[in-house]
PDB file of N, CA and C in Angstrom:
ATOM      1  N   UNK A   1     110.288 110.208 102.306  1.00  0.00           N
ATOM      2  CA  UNK A   1     109.902 109.195 102.978  1.00  0.00           C
ATOM      3  C   UNK A   1     110.489 107.954 102.740  1.00  0.00           C
ATOM      4  N   UNK A   2     110.857 107.147 103.881  1.00  0.00           N
ATOM      5  CA  UNK A   2     111.531 106.031 103.865  1.00  0.00           C
ATOM      6  C   UNK A   2     110.587 104.995 104.663  1.00  0.00           C
ATOM      7  N   UNK A   3     109.854 104.037 103.878  1.00  0.00           N
ATOM      8  CA  UNK A   3     109.198 102.930 104.733  1.00  0.00           C
ATOM      9  C   UNK A   3     109.908 101.749 104.761  1.00  0.00           C
ATOM     10  N   UNK A   4     109.777 101.033 105.908  1.00  0.00           N
ATOM     11  CA  UNK A   4     110.575  99.987 106.198  1.00  0.00           C
ATOM     12  C   UNK A   4     109.772  98.891 106.840  1.00  0.00           C
ATOM     13  N   UNK A   5     109.933  97.701 106.799  1.00  0.00           N
ATOM     14  CA  UNK A   5     109.097  96.789 107.726  1.00  0.00           C
ATOM     15  C   UNK A   5     109.013  96.794 109.311  1.00  0.00           C
ATOM     16  N   UNK A   6     110.379  97.118 109.592  1.00  0.00           N
ATOM     17  CA  UNK A   6     110.320  96.599 110.864  1.00  0.00           C
ATOM     18  C   UNK A   6     111.108  97.895 111.739  1.00  0.00           C
ATOM     19  N   UNK A   7     110.587  98.039 113.120  1.00  0.00           N
ATOM     20  CA  UNK A   7     111.205  99.026 114.078  1.00  0.00           C
ATOM     21  C   UNK A   7     112.652  99.066 113.846  1.00  0.00           C
ATOM     22  N   UNK A   8     113.265  97.676 113.983  1.00  0.00           N
ATOM     23  CA  UNK A   8     114.657  97.510 114.113  1.00  0.00           C
ATOM     24  C   UNK A   8     115.508  98.149 112.800  1.00  0.00           C
ATOM     25  N   UNK A   9     114.884  97.796 111.737  1.00  0.00           N
ATOM     26  CA  UNK A   9     115.553  98.502 110.280  1.00  0.00           C
ATOM     27  C   UNK A   9     115.253  99.741 110.455  1.00  0.00           C
ATOM     28  N   UNK A  10     114.106 100.520 110.848  1.00  0.00           N
ATOM     29  CA  UNK A  10     114.004 101.799 111.001  1.00  0.00           C
ATOM     30  C   UNK A  10     115.166 102.260 111.607  1.00  0.00           C
ATOM     31  N   UNK A  11     115.460 101.991 112.712  1.00  0.00           N
ATOM     32  CA  UNK A  11     116.161 102.414 113.577  1.00  0.00           C
ATOM     33  C   UNK A  11     117.911 102.529 112.881  1.00  0.00           C
ATOM     34  N   UNK A  12     118.077 101.343 112.288  1.00  0.00           N
ATOM     35  CA  UNK A  12     119.380 101.149 111.575  1.00  0.00           C
ATOM     36  C   UNK A  12     119.368 102.341 110.426  1.00  0.00           C
ATOM     37  N   UNK A  13     118.283 102.553 109.496  1.00  0.00           N
ATOM     38  CA  UNK A  13     118.364 103.442 108.558  1.00  0.00           C
ATOM     39  C   UNK A  13     118.372 104.790 109.167  1.00  0.00           C
ATOM     40  N   UNK A  14     117.688 105.059 110.357  1.00  0.00           N
ATOM     41  CA  UNK A  14     117.833 106.572 111.017  1.00  0.00           C
ATOM     42  C   UNK A  14     119.130 106.644 111.451  1.00  0.00           C
ATOM     43  N   UNK A  15     119.861 105.824 112.150  1.00  0.00           N
ATOM     44  CA  UNK A  15     121.332 105.929 112.657  1.00  0.00           C
ATOM     45  C   UNK A  15     122.224 106.274 111.293  1.00  0.00           C
ATOM     46  N   UNK A  16     122.028 105.654 109.956  1.00  0.00           N
ATOM     47  CA  UNK A  16     122.855 105.666 108.977  1.00  0.00           C
ATOM     48  C   UNK A  16     122.637 107.247 108.536  1.00  0.00           C
ATOM     49  N   UNK A  17     121.228 107.662 108.306  1.00  0.00           N
ATOM     50  CA  UNK A  17     120.964 108.857 107.741  1.00  0.00           C
ATOM     51  C   UNK A  17     121.159 110.023 108.690  1.00  0.00           C
ATOM     52  N   UNK A  18     121.437 109.843 109.893  1.00  0.00           N
ATOM     53  CA  UNK A  18     121.356 110.897 110.902  1.00  0.00           C
ATOM     54  C   UNK A  18     122.687 112.070 110.793  1.00  0.00           C
ATOM     55  N   UNK A  19     123.792 111.111 110.461  1.00  0.00           N
ATOM     56  CA  UNK A  19     125.151 112.373 110.217  1.00  0.00           C
ATOM     57  C   UNK A  19     124.794 113.221 108.888  1.00  0.00           C
ATOM     58  N   UNK A  20     124.228 112.615 107.981  1.00  0.00           N
ATOM     59  CA  UNK A  20     124.039 113.471 106.755  1.00  0.00           C
ATOM     60  C   UNK A  20     122.927 114.465 107.229  1.00  0.00           C
ATOM     61  N   UNK A  21     121.783 114.107 107.654  1.00  0.00           N
ATOM     62  CA  UNK A  21     120.807 114.996 108.163  1.00  0.00           C
ATOM     63  C   UNK A  21     121.356 116.187 108.741  1.00  0.00           C
ATOM     64  N   UNK A  22     122.475 115.957 109.898  1.00  0.00           N
ATOM     65  CA  UNK A  22     122.937 116.829 110.545  1.00  0.00           C
ATOM     66  C   UNK A  22     123.893 117.779 109.714  1.00  0.00           C
ATOM     67  N   UNK A  23     124.466 117.098 108.879  1.00  0.00           N
ATOM     68  CA  UNK A  23     125.364 118.021 108.130  1.00  0.00           C
ATOM     69  C   UNK A  23     124.600 118.817 106.957  1.00  0.00           C
ATOM     70  N   UNK A  24     123.685 118.427 106.679  1.00  0.00           N
ATOM     71  CA  UNK A  24     122.629 119.153 105.649  1.00  0.00           C
ATOM     72  C   UNK A  24     121.808 120.109 106.178  1.00  0.00           C
ATOM     73  N   UNK A  25     121.437 120.035 107.662  1.00  0.00           N
ATOM     74  CA  UNK A  25     120.288 120.809 108.346  1.00  0.00           C
ATOM     75  C   UNK A  25     119.026 120.428 107.969  1.00  0.00           C
ATOM     76  N   UNK A  26     118.911 119.140 107.802  1.00  0.00           N
ATOM     77  CA  UNK A  26     117.615 118.379 107.743  1.00  0.00           C
ATOM     78  C   UNK A  26     117.168 117.979 108.891  1.00  0.00           C
ATOM     79  N   UNK A  27     115.686 117.930 108.909  1.00  0.00           N
ATOM     80  CA  UNK A  27     115.238 117.235 110.277  1.00  0.00           C
ATOM     81  C   UNK A  27     114.764 116.020 109.928  1.00  0.00           C
ATOM     82  N   UNK A  28     115.070 115.102 110.556  1.00  0.00           N
ATOM     83  CA  UNK A  28     114.961 113.596 110.513  1.00  0.00           C
ATOM     84  C   UNK A  28     113.981 112.962 111.519  1.00  0.00           C
ATOM     85  N   UNK A  29     112.958 112.495 111.045  1.00  0.00           N
ATOM     86  CA  UNK A  29     111.947 111.767 112.144  1.00  0.00           C
ATOM     87  C   UNK A  29     111.692 110.541 111.951  1.00  0.00           C
ATOM     88  N   UNK A  30     111.928 109.688 113.036  1.00  0.00           N
ATOM     89  CA  UNK A  30     111.639 108.302 112.860  1.00  0.00           C
ATOM     90  C   UNK A  30     110.120 107.742 113.648  1.00  0.00           C
ATOM     91  N   UNK A  31     109.478 107.181 112.953  1.00  0.00           N
ATOM     92  CA  UNK A  31     108.159 106.839 113.516  1.00  0.00           C
ATOM     93  C   UNK A  31     107.791 105.292 113.340  1.00  0.00           C
ATOM     94  N   UNK A  32     107.897 104.624 114.494  1.00  0.00           N
ATOM     95  CA  UNK A  32     107.583 103.358 114.535  1.00  0.00           C
ATOM     96  C   UNK A  32     106.893 102.863 115.586  1.00  0.00           C
ATOM     97  N   UNK A  33     106.188 101.648 115.681  1.00  0.00           N
ATOM     98  CA  UNK A  33     105.373 101.299 116.594  1.00  0.00           C
ATOM     99  C   UNK A  33     106.146 100.821 117.760  1.00  0.00           C
ATOM    100  N   UNK A  34     105.412 100.723 119.071  1.00  0.00           N
ATOM    101  CA  UNK A  34     106.134 100.241 120.079  1.00  0.00           C
ATOM    102  C   UNK A  34     106.901 101.535 121.028  1.00  0.00           C
ATOM    103  N   UNK A  35     106.653 102.679 120.498  1.00  0.00           N
ATOM    104  CA  UNK A  35     107.372 103.837 121.042  1.00  0.00           C
ATOM    105  C   UNK A  35     106.078 104.832 121.077  1.00  0.00           C
ATOM    106  N   UNK A  36     106.238 105.828 121.972  1.00  0.00           N
ATOM    107  CA  UNK A  36     105.242 106.734 122.188  1.00  0.00           C
ATOM    108  C   UNK A  36     104.832 107.452 120.919  1.00  0.00           C
ATOM    109  N   UNK A  37     103.546 107.465 120.668  1.00  0.00           N
ATOM    110  CA  UNK A  37     103.012 108.035 119.400  1.00  0.00           C
ATOM    111  C   UNK A  37     102.772 109.127 119.644  1.00  0.00           C
ATOM    112  N   UNK A  38     102.571 109.868 121.090  1.00  0.00           N
ATOM    113  CA  UNK A  38     102.352 111.370 121.277  1.00  0.00           C
ATOM    114  C   UNK A  38     103.585 111.956 120.920  1.00  0.00           C
ATOM    115  N   UNK A  39     104.755 111.571 121.268  1.00  0.00           N
ATOM    116  CA  UNK A  39     106.085 112.163 121.031  1.00  0.00           C
ATOM    117  C   UNK A  39     106.504 112.199 119.407  1.00  0.00           C
ATOM    118  N   UNK A  40     106.133 110.884 118.946  1.00  0.00           N
ATOM    119  CA  UNK A  40     106.300 111.031 117.435  1.00  0.00           C
ATOM    120  C   UNK A  40     105.428 112.066 116.626  1.00  0.00           C
ATOM    121  N   UNK A  41     104.240 112.197 117.074  1.00  0.00           N
ATOM    122  CA  UNK A  41     103.193 113.084 116.523  1.00  0.00           C
ATOM    123  C   UNK A  41     103.728 114.682 116.636  1.00  0.00           C
ATOM    124  N   UNK A  42     104.270 114.793 117.917  1.00  0.00           N
ATOM    125  CA  UNK A  42     104.603 116.253 118.127  1.00  0.00           C
ATOM    126  C   UNK A  42     105.967 116.461 117.258  1.00  0.00           C
ATOM    127  N   UNK A  43     107.065 115.402 117.048  1.00  0.00           N
ATOM    128  CA  UNK A  43     107.957 115.485 116.222  1.00  0.00           C
ATOM    129  C   UNK A  43     107.718 115.901 114.743  1.00  0.00           C
ATOM    130  N   UNK A  44     106.517 115.163 114.050  1.00  0.00           N
ATOM    131  CA  UNK A  44     106.056 115.322 112.852  1.00  0.00           C
ATOM    132  C   UNK A  44     105.357 116.714 112.722  1.00  0.00           C
ATOM    133  N   UNK A  45     104.514 117.106 113.704  1.00  0.00           N
ATOM    134  CA  UNK A  45     103.930 118.393 113.697  1.00  0.00           C
ATOM    135  C   UNK A  45     104.766 119.511 113.543  1.00  0.00           C
ATOM    136  N   UNK A  46     106.108 119.347 114.035  1.00  0.00           N
ATOM    137  CA  UNK A  46     107.122 120.517 114.129  1.00  0.00           C
ATOM    138  C   UNK A  46     107.671 120.665 112.761  1.00  0.00           C
ATOM    139  N   UNK A  47     107.627 119.343 112.176  1.00  0.00           N
ATOM    140  CA  UNK A  47     108.300 119.397 110.723  1.00  0.00           C
ATOM    141  C   UNK A  47     109.139 118.603 110.464  1.00  0.00           C
ATOM    142  N   UNK A  48     109.176 117.843 109.409  1.00  0.00           N
ATOM    143  CA  UNK A  48     110.353 116.936 109.164  1.00  0.00           C
ATOM    144  C   UNK A  48     110.605 116.731 107.699  1.00  0.00           C
ATOM    145  N   UNK A  49     112.100 116.726 107.289  1.00  0.00           N
ATOM    146  CA  UNK A  49     112.498 116.680 105.792  1.00  0.00           C
ATOM    147  C   UNK A  49     112.484 115.330 105.555  1.00  0.00           C
ATOM    148  N   UNK A  50     112.874 114.450 106.500  1.00  0.00           N
ATOM    149  CA  UNK A  50     113.036 113.141 106.226  1.00  0.00           C
ATOM    150  C   UNK A  50     112.325 112.337 107.215  1.00  0.00           C
ATOM    151  N   UNK A  51     111.485 111.483 106.668  1.00  0.00           N
ATOM    152  CA  UNK A  51     110.531 110.722 107.610  1.00  0.00           C
ATOM    153  C   UNK A  51     111.114 109.057 107.305  1.00  0.00           C
ATOM    154  N   UNK A  52     111.490 108.340 108.373  1.00  0.00           N
ATOM    155  CA  UNK A  52     111.735 106.990 108.112  1.00  0.00           C
ATOM    156  C   UNK A  52     110.519 106.377 109.034  1.00  0.00           C
ATOM    157  N   UNK A  53     109.716 105.548 108.565  1.00  0.00           N
ATOM    158  CA  UNK A  53     108.543 105.013 109.174  1.00  0.00           C
ATOM    159  C   UNK A  53     108.360 103.245 108.963  1.00  0.00           C
ATOM    160  N   UNK A  54     107.313 102.919 109.664  1.00  0.00           N
ATOM    161  CA  UNK A  54     106.962 101.579 109.443  1.00  0.00           C
ATOM    162  C   UNK A  54     105.610 101.787 109.045  1.00  0.00           C
ATOM    163  N   UNK A  55     105.094 101.148 108.227  1.00  0.00           N
ATOM    164  CA  UNK A  55     103.658 101.467 107.778  1.00  0.00           C
ATOM    165  C   UNK A  55     102.434 101.639 108.674  1.00  0.00           C
ATOM    166  N   UNK A  56     102.449 100.716 109.654  1.00  0.00           N
ATOM    167  CA  UNK A  56     101.502 100.811 110.521  1.00  0.00           C
ATOM    168  C   UNK A  56     101.414 102.006 111.497  1.00  0.00           C
ATOM    169  N   UNK A  57     102.657 102.377 112.087  1.00  0.00           N
ATOM    170  CA  UNK A  57     102.634 103.552 112.686  1.00  0.00           C
ATOM    171  C   UNK A  57     102.338 104.764 111.648  1.00  0.00           C
ATOM    172  N   UNK A  58     103.047 104.820 110.653  1.00  0.00           N
ATOM    173  CA  UNK A  58     102.699 105.990 109.584  1.00  0.00           C
ATOM    174  C   UNK A  58     101.129 106.220 109.370  1.00  0.00           C
ATOM    175  N   UNK A  59     100.405 105.093 109.204  1.00  0.00           N
ATOM    176  CA  UNK A  59      99.135 104.790 109.006  1.00  0.00           C
ATOM    177  C   UNK A  59      98.508 105.657 110.106  1.00  0.00           C
ATOM    178  N   UNK A  60      98.749 105.260 111.347  1.00  0.00           N
ATOM    179  CA  UNK A  60      98.075 105.675 112.777  1.00  0.00           C
ATOM    180  C   UNK A  60      98.074 107.375 112.558  1.00  0.00           C
ATOM    181  N   UNK A  61      99.657 107.622 112.222  1.00  0.00           N
ATOM    182  CA  UNK A  61      99.800 109.235 112.344  1.00  0.00           C
ATOM    183  C   UNK A  61      99.026 109.872 111.443  1.00  0.00           C
ATOM    184  N   UNK A  62      98.873 109.133 110.166  1.00  0.00           N
ATOM    185  CA  UNK A  62      98.186 110.056 109.189  1.00  0.00           C
ATOM    186  C   UNK A  62      96.552 110.128 109.680  1.00  0.00           C
ATOM    187  N   UNK A  63      96.165 108.702 110.044  1.00  0.00           N
ATOM    188  CA  UNK A  63      94.701 108.749 110.392  1.00  0.00           C
ATOM    189  C   UNK A  63      94.255 109.937 111.378  1.00  0.00           C
ATOM    190  N   UNK A  64      95.337 110.229 112.538  1.00  0.00           N
ATOM    191  CA  UNK A  64      95.350 111.042 113.385  1.00  0.00           C
ATOM    192  C   UNK A  64      95.428 112.742 113.079  1.00  0.00           C
ATOM    193  N   UNK A  65      95.808 112.693 111.835  1.00  0.00           N
ATOM    194  CA  UNK A  65      95.997 113.851 111.172  1.00  0.00           C
ATOM    195  C   UNK A  65      97.056 114.538 111.959  1.00  0.00           C
ATOM    196  N   UNK A  66      98.262 113.788 112.351  1.00  0.00           N
ATOM    197  CA  UNK A  66      99.481 114.503 112.737  1.00  0.00           C
ATOM    198  C   UNK A  66     100.349 114.390 111.578  1.00  0.00           C
ATOM    199  N   UNK A  67     100.250 113.929 110.553  1.00  0.00           N
ATOM    200  CA  UNK A  67     101.048 113.799 109.518  1.00  0.00           C
ATOM    201  C   UNK A  67     100.080 113.842 108.006  1.00  0.00           C
ATOM    202  N   UNK A  68     100.767 114.398 107.085  1.00  0.00           N
ATOM    203  CA  UNK A  68     100.353 114.542 105.809  1.00  0.00           C
ATOM    204  C   UNK A  68     101.501 114.018 104.849  1.00  0.00           C
ATOM    205  N   UNK A  69     100.965 113.416 103.642  1.00  0.00           N
ATOM    206  CA  UNK A  69     101.975 112.945 102.940  1.00  0.00           C
ATOM    207  C   UNK A  69     102.019 113.722 101.586  1.00  0.00           C
ATOM    208  N   UNK A  70     101.229 114.688 101.508  1.00  0.00           N
ATOM    209  CA  UNK A  70     100.956 115.324  99.854  1.00  0.00           C
ATOM    210  C   UNK A  70     102.050 116.078  99.619  1.00  0.00           C
ATOM    211  N   UNK A  71     102.975 116.499 100.591  1.00  0.00           N
ATOM    212  CA  UNK A  71     104.187 117.006  99.867  1.00  0.00           C
ATOM    213  C   UNK A  71     105.370 116.319  99.738  1.00  0.00           C
ATOM    214  N   UNK A  72     105.319 115.108  99.979  1.00  0.00           N
ATOM    215  CA  UNK A  72     106.423 114.116  99.909  1.00  0.00           C
ATOM    216  C   UNK A  72     107.014 114.138  98.235  1.00  0.00           C
ATOM    217  N   UNK A  73     108.196 114.075  98.145  1.00  0.00           N
ATOM    218  CA  UNK A  73     108.587 114.270  96.857  1.00  0.00           C
ATOM    219  C   UNK A  73     109.567 113.115  96.384  1.00  0.00           C
ATOM    220  N   UNK A  74     110.001 112.311  97.432  1.00  0.00           N
ATOM    221  CA  UNK A  74     110.909 111.282  97.108  1.00  0.00           C
ATOM    222  C   UNK A  74     110.183 110.097  98.093  1.00  0.00           C
ATOM    223  N   UNK A  75     110.068 108.945  97.876  1.00  0.00           N
ATOM    224  CA  UNK A  75     109.543 107.902  98.441  1.00  0.00           C
ATOM    225  C   UNK A  75     110.290 106.487  98.291  1.00  0.00           C
ATOM    226  N   UNK A  76     110.931 106.086  99.460  1.00  0.00           N
ATOM    227  CA  UNK A  76     111.754 104.785  99.206  1.00  0.00           C
ATOM    228  C   UNK A  76     111.003 103.708 100.041  1.00  0.00           C
ATOM    229  N   UNK A  77     110.698 102.656  99.244  1.00  0.00           N
ATOM    230  CA  UNK A  77     110.395 101.405 100.056  1.00  0.00           C
ATOM    231  C   UNK A  77     111.417 100.194  99.971  1.00  0.00           C
ATOM    232  N   UNK A  78     111.839 100.197 101.178  1.00  0.00           N
ATOM    233  CA  UNK A  78     112.943  99.310 101.475  1.00  0.00           C
ATOM    234  C   UNK A  78     112.478  98.102 102.246  1.00  0.00           C
ATOM    235  N   UNK A  79     113.073  96.835 101.587  1.00  0.00           N
ATOM    236  CA  UNK A  79     112.780  95.610 102.012  1.00  0.00           C
ATOM    237  C   UNK A  79     111.113  95.601 101.597  1.00  0.00           C
ATOM    238  N   UNK A  80     110.572  95.977 100.460  1.00  0.00           N
ATOM    239  CA  UNK A  80     109.163  95.809  99.942  1.00  0.00           C
ATOM    240  C   UNK A  80     108.678  94.539 100.115  1.00  0.00           C
ATOM    241  N   UNK A  81     109.369  93.203  99.528  1.00  0.00           N
ATOM    242  CA  UNK A  81     108.969  91.995  99.695  1.00  0.00           C
ATOM    243  C   UNK A  81     108.467  91.414 101.084  1.00  0.00           C
ATOM    244  N   UNK A  82     109.501  92.060 102.150  1.00  0.00           N
ATOM    245  CA  UNK A  82     109.215  91.803 103.682  1.00  0.00           C
ATOM    246  C   UNK A  82     108.152  92.547 104.230  1.00  0.00           C
ATOM    247  N   UNK A  83     107.807  93.658 103.775  1.00  0.00           N
ATOM    248  CA  UNK A  83     106.523  94.477 104.107  1.00  0.00           C
ATOM    249  C   UNK A  83     105.395  93.719 103.529  1.00  0.00           C
ATOM    250  N   UNK A  84     105.275  93.176 102.086  1.00  0.00           N
ATOM    251  CA  UNK A  84     104.218  92.245 101.560  1.00  0.00           C
ATOM    252  C   UNK A  84     103.923  90.979 102.567  1.00  0.00           C
ATOM    253  N   UNK A  85     105.040  90.407 102.736  1.00  0.00           N
ATOM    254  CA  UNK A  85     105.000  89.132 103.449  1.00  0.00           C
ATOM    255  C   UNK A  85     104.393  89.328 104.794  1.00  0.00           C
ATOM    256  N   UNK A  86     104.573  90.392 105.455  1.00  0.00           N
ATOM    257  CA  UNK A  86     104.085  90.696 106.707  1.00  0.00           C
ATOM    258  C   UNK A  86     102.840  91.459 106.641  1.00  0.00           C
ATOM    259  N   UNK A  87     102.153  91.554 105.490  1.00  0.00           N
ATOM    260  CA  UNK A  87     100.791  91.934 105.381  1.00  0.00           C
ATOM    261  C   UNK A  87     100.481  93.459 105.370  1.00  0.00           C
ATOM    262  N   UNK A  88     101.669  94.210 105.100  1.00  0.00           N
ATOM    263  CA  UNK A  88     101.523  95.532 104.862  1.00  0.00           C
ATOM    264  C   UNK A  88     100.958  96.107 103.628  1.00  0.00           C
ATOM    265  N   UNK A  89     100.787  95.310 102.537  1.00  0.00           N
ATOM    266  CA  UNK A  89     100.471  95.596 101.324  1.00  0.00           C
ATOM    267  C   UNK A  89      99.545  96.780 101.260  1.00  0.00           C
ATOM    268  N   UNK A  90      98.303  96.464 102.072  1.00  0.00           N
ATOM    269  CA  UNK A  90      97.223  97.479 101.909  1.00  0.00           C
ATOM    270  C   UNK A  90      97.469  98.834 102.548  1.00  0.00           C
ATOM    271  N   UNK A  91      98.390  98.851 103.662  1.00  0.00           N
ATOM    272  CA  UNK A  91      98.826  99.939 104.126  1.00  0.00           C
ATOM    273  C   UNK A  91      99.865 100.669 103.419  1.00  0.00           C
ATOM    274  N   UNK A  92     100.603  99.975 102.900  1.00  0.00           N
ATOM    275  CA  UNK A  92     101.670 100.760 101.862  1.00  0.00           C
ATOM    276  C   UNK A  92     100.925 101.309 100.744  1.00  0.00           C
ATOM    277  N   UNK A  93     100.062 100.546 100.109  1.00  0.00           N
ATOM    278  CA  UNK A  93      99.342 101.143  99.059  1.00  0.00           C
ATOM    279  C   UNK A  93      98.461 102.371  99.461  1.00  0.00           C
ATOM    280  N   UNK A  94      97.811 102.362 100.382  1.00  0.00           N
ATOM    281  CA  UNK A  94      96.958 103.609 100.979  1.00  0.00           C
ATOM    282  C   UNK A  94      98.030 104.835 101.181  1.00  0.00           C
ATOM    283  N   UNK A  95      99.285 104.692 101.789  1.00  0.00           N
ATOM    284  CA  UNK A  95     100.059 105.543 101.899  1.00  0.00           C
ATOM    285  C   UNK A  95     100.661 105.967 100.824  1.00  0.00           C
ATOM    286  N   UNK A  96     100.995 105.250  99.891  1.00  0.00           N
ATOM    287  CA  UNK A  96     101.252 105.744  98.517  1.00  0.00           C
ATOM    288  C   UNK A  96     100.324 106.453  97.711  1.00  0.00           C
ATOM    289  N   UNK A  97      99.157 106.115  98.159  1.00  0.00           N
ATOM    290  CA  UNK A  97      98.181 106.961  97.314  1.00  0.00           C
ATOM    291  C   UNK A  97      98.110 108.459  97.769  1.00  0.00           C
ATOM    292  N   UNK A  98      98.471 108.536  98.868  1.00  0.00           N
ATOM    293  CA  UNK A  98      98.511 109.829  99.413  1.00  0.00           C
ATOM    294  C   UNK A  98      99.662 110.767  99.077  1.00  0.00           C
ATOM    295  N   UNK A  99     100.702 110.205  98.646  1.00  0.00           N
ATOM    296  CA  UNK A  99     101.909 110.845  98.092  1.00  0.00           C
ATOM    297  C   UNK A  99     101.693 111.523  96.672  1.00  0.00           C
ATOM    298  N   UNK A 100     102.088 112.525  96.717  1.00  0.00           N
ATOM    299  CA  UNK A 100     101.502 113.497  95.532  1.00  0.00           C
ATOM    300  C   UNK A 100     102.319 112.780  94.111  1.00  0.00           C
ATOM    301  N   UNK A 101     101.638 112.674  93.146  1.00  0.00           N
ATOM    302  CA  UNK A 101     101.819 112.121  91.934  1.00  0.00           C
ATOM    303  C   UNK A 101     103.331 112.886  91.307  1.00  0.00           C
ATOM    304  N   UNK A 102     104.145 112.048  90.575  1.00  0.00           N
ATOM    305  CA  UNK A 102     105.173 112.740  89.978  1.00  0.00           C
ATOM    306  C   UNK A 102     106.447 112.634  90.499  1.00  0.00           C
ATOM    307  N   UNK A 103     106.488 112.381  91.886  1.00  0.00           N
ATOM    308  CA  UNK A 103     107.748 112.516  92.879  1.00  0.00           C
ATOM    309  C   UNK A 103     108.660 111.165  92.213  1.00  0.00           C
ATOM    310  N   UNK A 104     109.786 110.891  92.780  1.00  0.00           N
ATOM    311  CA  UNK A 104     110.874 109.975  92.618  1.00  0.00           C
ATOM    312  C   UNK A 104     110.424 109.056  93.621  1.00  0.00           C
ATOM    313  N   UNK A 105     110.281 107.720  93.094  1.00  0.00           N
ATOM    314  CA  UNK A 105     109.749 106.220  93.997  1.00  0.00           C
ATOM    315  C   UNK A 105     111.023 105.230  93.763  1.00  0.00           C
ATOM    316  N   UNK A 106     111.486 104.725  94.578  1.00  0.00           N
ATOM    317  CA  UNK A 106     112.535 103.783  94.680  1.00  0.00           C
ATOM    318  C   UNK A 106     111.932 102.619  95.622  1.00  0.00           C
ATOM    319  N   UNK A 107     112.126 101.347  94.900  1.00  0.00           N
ATOM    320  CA  UNK A 107     111.896 100.290  95.562  1.00  0.00           C
ATOM    321  C   UNK A 107     112.793  99.295  95.744  1.00  0.00           C
ATOM    322  N   UNK A 108     113.199  98.689  96.783  1.00  0.00           N
ATOM    323  CA  UNK A 108     114.266  97.797  97.161  1.00  0.00           C
ATOM    324  C   UNK A 108     113.583  96.595  97.719  1.00  0.00           C
ATOM    325  N   UNK A 109     114.026  95.436  96.953  1.00  0.00           N
ATOM    326  CA  UNK A 109     113.260  93.946  97.321  1.00  0.00           C
ATOM    327  C   UNK A 109     114.411  93.061  96.909  1.00  0.00           C
ATOM    328  N   UNK A 110     114.486  92.095  97.897  1.00  0.00           N
ATOM    329  CA  UNK A 110     115.294  90.777  97.519  1.00  0.00           C
ATOM    330  C   UNK A 110     114.545  89.876  96.516  1.00  0.00           C
ATOM    331  N   UNK A 111     113.032  89.893  96.530  1.00  0.00           N
ATOM    332  CA  UNK A 111     112.394  88.991  95.620  1.00  0.00           C
ATOM    333  C   UNK A 111     111.415  89.878  94.703  1.00  0.00           C
ATOM    334  N   UNK A 112     111.029  89.396  93.614  1.00  0.00           N
ATOM    335  CA  UNK A 112     109.883  90.127  92.708  1.00  0.00           C
ATOM    336  C   UNK A 112     108.975  89.389  92.615  1.00  0.00           C
ATOM    337  N   UNK A 113     107.851  89.243  93.466  1.00  0.00           N
ATOM    338  CA  UNK A 113     106.526  88.396  93.194  1.00  0.00           C
ATOM    339  C   UNK A 113     105.530  89.343  92.989  1.00  0.00           C
ATOM    340  N   UNK A 114     104.429  88.456  92.785  1.00  0.00           N
ATOM    341  CA  UNK A 114     103.079  89.446  92.408  1.00  0.00           C
ATOM    342  C   UNK A 114     102.823  90.602  93.067  1.00  0.00           C
ATOM    343  N   UNK A 115     103.116  90.459  94.468  1.00  0.00           N
ATOM    344  CA  UNK A 115     102.691  91.898  95.275  1.00  0.00           C
ATOM    345  C   UNK A 115     103.676  92.970  94.793  1.00  0.00           C
ATOM    346  N   UNK A 116     104.914  92.605  94.747  1.00  0.00           N
ATOM    347  CA  UNK A 116     106.004  93.603  94.356  1.00  0.00           C
ATOM    348  C   UNK A 116     105.556  94.143  92.918  1.00  0.00           C
ATOM    349  N   UNK A 117     105.033  93.266  91.913  1.00  0.00           N
ATOM    350  CA  UNK A 117     104.859  93.590  90.529  1.00  0.00           C
ATOM    351  C   UNK A 117     103.561  94.646  90.831  1.00  0.00           C
ATOM    352  N   UNK A 118     102.719  94.406  91.583  1.00  0.00           N
ATOM    353  CA  UNK A 118     101.577  95.118  91.773  1.00  0.00           C
ATOM    354  C   UNK A 118     102.187  96.534  92.050  1.00  0.00           C
ATOM    355  N   UNK A 119     102.776  96.778  93.180  1.00  0.00           N
ATOM    356  CA  UNK A 119     103.344  98.104  93.726  1.00  0.00           C
ATOM    357  C   UNK A 119     103.953  98.710  92.427  1.00  0.00           C
ATOM    358  N   UNK A 120     104.961  98.011  91.788  1.00  0.00           N
ATOM    359  CA  UNK A 120     105.787  98.740  90.766  1.00  0.00           C
ATOM    360  C   UNK A 120     104.678  99.234  89.789  1.00  0.00           C
ATOM    361  N   UNK A 121     103.842  98.271  89.189  1.00  0.00           N
ATOM    362  CA  UNK A 121     103.153  98.761  88.214  1.00  0.00           C
ATOM    363  C   UNK A 121     102.005  99.948  88.439  1.00  0.00           C
ATOM    364  N   UNK A 122     101.538  99.967  89.904  1.00  0.00           N
ATOM    365  CA  UNK A 122     100.704 100.946  90.227  1.00  0.00           C
ATOM    366  C   UNK A 122     101.356 102.367  90.610  1.00  0.00           C
ATOM    367  N   UNK A 123     102.675 102.226  91.024  1.00  0.00           N
ATOM    368  CA  UNK A 123     103.321 103.504  91.508  1.00  0.00           C
ATOM    369  C   UNK A 123     104.398 103.766  90.752  1.00  0.00           C
TER     370      UNK A 123
END
């Protein structure tokens, strides 16, 4: 699971990961706001090995029961400071609470403020 703050960054990350996913036979799904939630739900229900998502859309898909996070083994928070600045900290925390404990977690952030320290300490 790769969480990013914006649709544009999600697309950039997906574009970079796509050749690797194809080479390894992995199913890559990108879920972001502003696009059809129905198509994204169908894609997730079919199964995905790698999901690149914005917190808002992923929260919506989890609430609709189109996506479960209990099997996620690796979680990446990219531009975590920007996600916090945009008000996504509650959603990010709610999503991370659903990821099984003991997996690998990576956080990338340009700054380390109190909100980022909270994420690091809790997860």
